[in-house]
C-alpha cells in the first residue's frame, strides 16, 4: 500500500522520515505528486525514486513568492 498524500507530500515526507530515522520504523512508500512543486519555496526533491532529506529547516510548506 502506498499512502495517498494528495497535495500534502511536502508535509508527509517529514512524517515518514521521522518515523524511519527517529523511531526506527520500517521504510514505507510515499506517493509523489509533483504538479504543485513550483508553488513551494522548498519543494520536495525526489531523486532516483527516493525522497531526499531536505536541507532546509521547517515543514517545507512555505509558499513561493508569486
N, C-alpha and C. Protein backbone atom coordinates (compact mmCIF):
# COMPACT_ATOMS: atom_id res chain seq x y z
N UNK A 1 0.84 -1.17 0.00
CA UNK A 1 0.00 0.00 0.00
C UNK A 1 0.89 1.23 0.00
N UNK A 2 0.51 2.22 -0.78
CA UNK A 2 1.22 3.49 -0.83
C UNK A 2 0.27 4.56 -0.31
N UNK A 3 0.61 5.26 0.77
CA UNK A 3 -0.28 6.31 1.28
C UNK A 3 -0.54 7.37 0.22
N UNK A 4 -1.81 7.75 0.08
CA UNK A 4 -2.19 8.82 -0.85
C UNK A 4 -2.06 10.14 -0.11
N UNK A 5 -1.15 10.99 -0.58
CA UNK A 5 -0.90 12.24 0.13
C UNK A 5 -1.57 13.42 -0.55
N UNK A 6 -2.14 13.21 -1.72
CA UNK A 6 -2.74 14.33 -2.42
C UNK A 6 -1.72 15.42 -2.62
N UNK A 7 -2.03 16.61 -2.23
CA UNK A 7 -1.12 17.74 -2.41
C UNK A 7 -0.29 18.01 -1.16
N UNK A 8 -0.31 17.12 -0.19
CA UNK A 8 0.37 17.37 1.07
C UNK A 8 1.67 16.57 1.21
N UNK A 9 2.24 16.13 0.11
CA UNK A 9 3.50 15.38 0.16
C UNK A 9 4.61 16.17 0.82
N UNK A 10 4.54 17.48 0.72
CA UNK A 10 5.55 18.34 1.35
C UNK A 10 5.64 18.06 2.84
N UNK A 11 4.51 17.87 3.49
CA UNK A 11 4.49 17.64 4.93
C UNK A 11 4.63 16.15 5.27
N UNK A 12 3.97 15.29 4.51
CA UNK A 12 4.01 13.87 4.79
C UNK A 12 5.41 13.29 4.73
N UNK A 13 6.27 13.82 3.86
CA UNK A 13 7.62 13.27 3.79
C UNK A 13 8.36 13.45 5.11
N UNK A 14 8.09 14.54 5.83
CA UNK A 14 8.72 14.75 7.13
C UNK A 14 8.24 13.71 8.13
N UNK A 15 6.97 13.36 8.07
CA UNK A 15 6.43 12.35 8.98
C UNK A 15 7.04 10.98 8.70
N UNK A 16 7.15 10.64 7.42
CA UNK A 16 7.75 9.37 7.03
C UNK A 16 9.22 9.31 7.47
N UNK A 17 9.95 10.40 7.22
CA UNK A 17 11.36 10.43 7.63
C UNK A 17 11.52 10.34 9.14
N UNK A 18 10.67 11.04 9.89
CA UNK A 18 10.73 10.98 11.35
C UNK A 18 10.48 9.56 11.84
N UNK A 19 9.44 8.93 11.29
CA UNK A 19 9.12 7.56 11.71
C UNK A 19 10.28 6.60 11.47
N UNK A 20 10.95 6.77 10.33
CA UNK A 20 12.05 5.86 9.99
C UNK A 20 13.34 6.20 10.74
N UNK A 21 13.74 7.48 10.71
CA UNK A 21 15.03 7.86 11.29
C UNK A 21 14.97 7.93 12.81
N UNK A 22 13.96 8.59 13.35
CA UNK A 22 13.92 8.81 14.80
C UNK A 22 13.33 7.64 15.58
N UNK A 23 12.33 6.98 15.00
CA UNK A 23 11.66 5.91 15.73
C UNK A 23 12.12 4.52 15.29
N UNK A 24 12.89 4.47 14.19
CA UNK A 24 13.39 3.18 13.73
C UNK A 24 12.35 2.29 13.08
N UNK A 25 11.24 2.87 12.65
CA UNK A 25 10.21 2.07 11.98
C UNK A 25 10.64 1.76 10.56
N UNK A 26 9.96 0.78 9.95
CA UNK A 26 10.28 0.39 8.59
C UNK A 26 10.15 1.55 7.62
N UNK A 27 10.91 1.49 6.53
CA UNK A 27 10.72 2.44 5.44
C UNK A 27 9.40 2.11 4.77
N UNK A 28 8.68 3.11 4.34
CA UNK A 28 7.43 2.88 3.62
C UNK A 28 7.44 3.69 2.33
N UNK A 29 6.59 3.28 1.43
CA UNK A 29 6.43 4.02 0.19
C UNK A 29 5.58 5.25 0.46
N UNK A 30 5.86 6.33 -0.27
CA UNK A 30 5.07 7.55 -0.15
C UNK A 30 4.83 8.07 -1.55
N UNK A 31 3.58 8.28 -1.86
CA UNK A 31 3.19 8.79 -3.17
C UNK A 31 3.84 10.14 -3.44
N UNK A 32 4.19 10.40 -4.69
CA UNK A 32 4.77 11.68 -5.08
C UNK A 32 3.93 12.28 -6.18
N UNK A 33 3.39 13.46 -5.94
CA UNK A 33 2.57 14.17 -6.92
C UNK A 33 3.21 15.53 -7.13
N UNK A 34 3.96 15.69 -8.23
CA UNK A 34 4.77 16.89 -8.41
C UNK A 34 4.08 18.11 -9.00
N UNK A 35 2.79 18.06 -9.28
CA UNK A 35 2.17 19.16 -10.03
C UNK A 35 2.12 20.50 -9.28
N UNK A 36 2.35 20.52 -7.97
CA UNK A 36 2.34 21.78 -7.22
C UNK A 36 3.73 22.24 -6.78
N UNK A 37 4.76 21.53 -7.19
CA UNK A 37 6.10 21.82 -6.69
C UNK A 37 6.55 23.25 -6.95
N UNK A 38 6.10 23.87 -8.03
CA UNK A 38 6.50 25.25 -8.34
C UNK A 38 5.91 26.27 -7.38
N UNK A 39 4.93 25.85 -6.60
CA UNK A 39 4.27 26.78 -5.67
C UNK A 39 4.92 26.82 -4.28
N UNK A 40 5.90 25.95 -4.05
CA UNK A 40 6.55 25.90 -2.74
C UNK A 40 7.94 26.51 -2.79
N UNK A 41 8.32 27.17 -1.71
CA UNK A 41 9.65 27.77 -1.61
C UNK A 41 10.74 26.69 -1.68
N UNK A 42 10.54 25.60 -0.98
CA UNK A 42 11.49 24.50 -0.96
C UNK A 42 10.75 23.20 -1.29
N UNK A 43 10.52 22.93 -2.56
CA UNK A 43 9.75 21.73 -2.92
C UNK A 43 10.50 20.44 -2.60
N UNK A 44 9.73 19.39 -2.42
CA UNK A 44 10.32 18.08 -2.15
C UNK A 44 11.21 17.68 -3.32
N UNK A 45 12.34 17.07 -2.98
CA UNK A 45 13.26 16.56 -4.00
C UNK A 45 13.16 15.04 -4.04
N UNK A 46 12.92 14.53 -5.23
CA UNK A 46 12.90 13.08 -5.43
C UNK A 46 13.96 12.76 -6.47
N UNK A 47 14.90 11.92 -6.10
CA UNK A 47 15.98 11.52 -7.00
C UNK A 47 16.05 10.00 -7.04
N UNK A 48 16.04 9.45 -8.24
CA UNK A 48 16.08 8.01 -8.44
C UNK A 48 14.96 7.31 -7.67
N UNK A 49 13.80 7.94 -7.64
CA UNK A 49 12.64 7.34 -6.99
C UNK A 49 12.62 7.41 -5.48
N UNK A 50 13.49 8.24 -4.89
CA UNK A 50 13.60 8.32 -3.43
C UNK A 50 13.49 9.77 -2.99
N UNK A 51 12.63 10.03 -1.99
CA UNK A 51 12.58 11.36 -1.39
C UNK A 51 13.92 11.65 -0.73
N UNK A 52 14.45 12.82 -0.94
CA UNK A 52 15.70 13.23 -0.30
C UNK A 52 15.40 14.03 0.95
N UNK A 53 16.23 13.86 1.96
CA UNK A 53 16.06 14.60 3.20
C UNK A 53 16.28 16.08 2.88
N UNK A 54 15.36 16.95 3.30
CA UNK A 54 15.51 18.38 2.99
C UNK A 54 16.71 18.99 3.71
N UNK A 55 17.31 19.96 3.06
CA UNK A 55 18.43 20.69 3.66
C UNK A 55 17.95 21.87 4.50
N UNK A 56 16.74 22.33 4.22
CA UNK A 56 16.19 23.50 4.91
C UNK A 56 15.44 23.08 6.17
N UNK A 57 15.42 23.96 7.15
CA UNK A 57 14.66 23.68 8.37
C UNK A 57 13.18 23.97 8.12
N UNK A 58 12.32 23.45 8.95
CA UNK A 58 10.90 23.71 8.84
C UNK A 58 10.13 22.56 8.21
N UNK A 59 8.85 22.81 7.95
CA UNK A 59 7.95 21.78 7.43
C UNK A 59 7.87 21.78 5.91
N UNK A 60 8.63 22.66 5.26
CA UNK A 60 8.66 22.74 3.79
C UNK A 60 7.32 23.08 3.17
N UNK A 61 6.48 23.78 3.90
CA UNK A 61 5.17 24.13 3.36
C UNK A 61 5.03 25.63 3.08
N UNK A 62 6.17 26.34 3.08
CA UNK A 62 6.13 27.78 2.78
C UNK A 62 5.89 27.96 1.28
N UNK A 63 4.97 28.84 0.95
CA UNK A 63 4.67 29.09 -0.46
C UNK A 63 5.73 29.99 -1.07
N UNK A 64 6.03 29.76 -2.33
CA UNK A 64 6.98 30.59 -3.07
C UNK A 64 6.36 31.94 -3.35
N UNK A 65 7.22 32.95 -3.48
CA UNK A 65 6.73 34.30 -3.82
C UNK A 65 6.10 34.26 -5.21
N UNK A 66 5.02 34.97 -5.35
CA UNK A 66 4.31 34.98 -6.65
C UNK A 66 5.07 35.73 -7.71
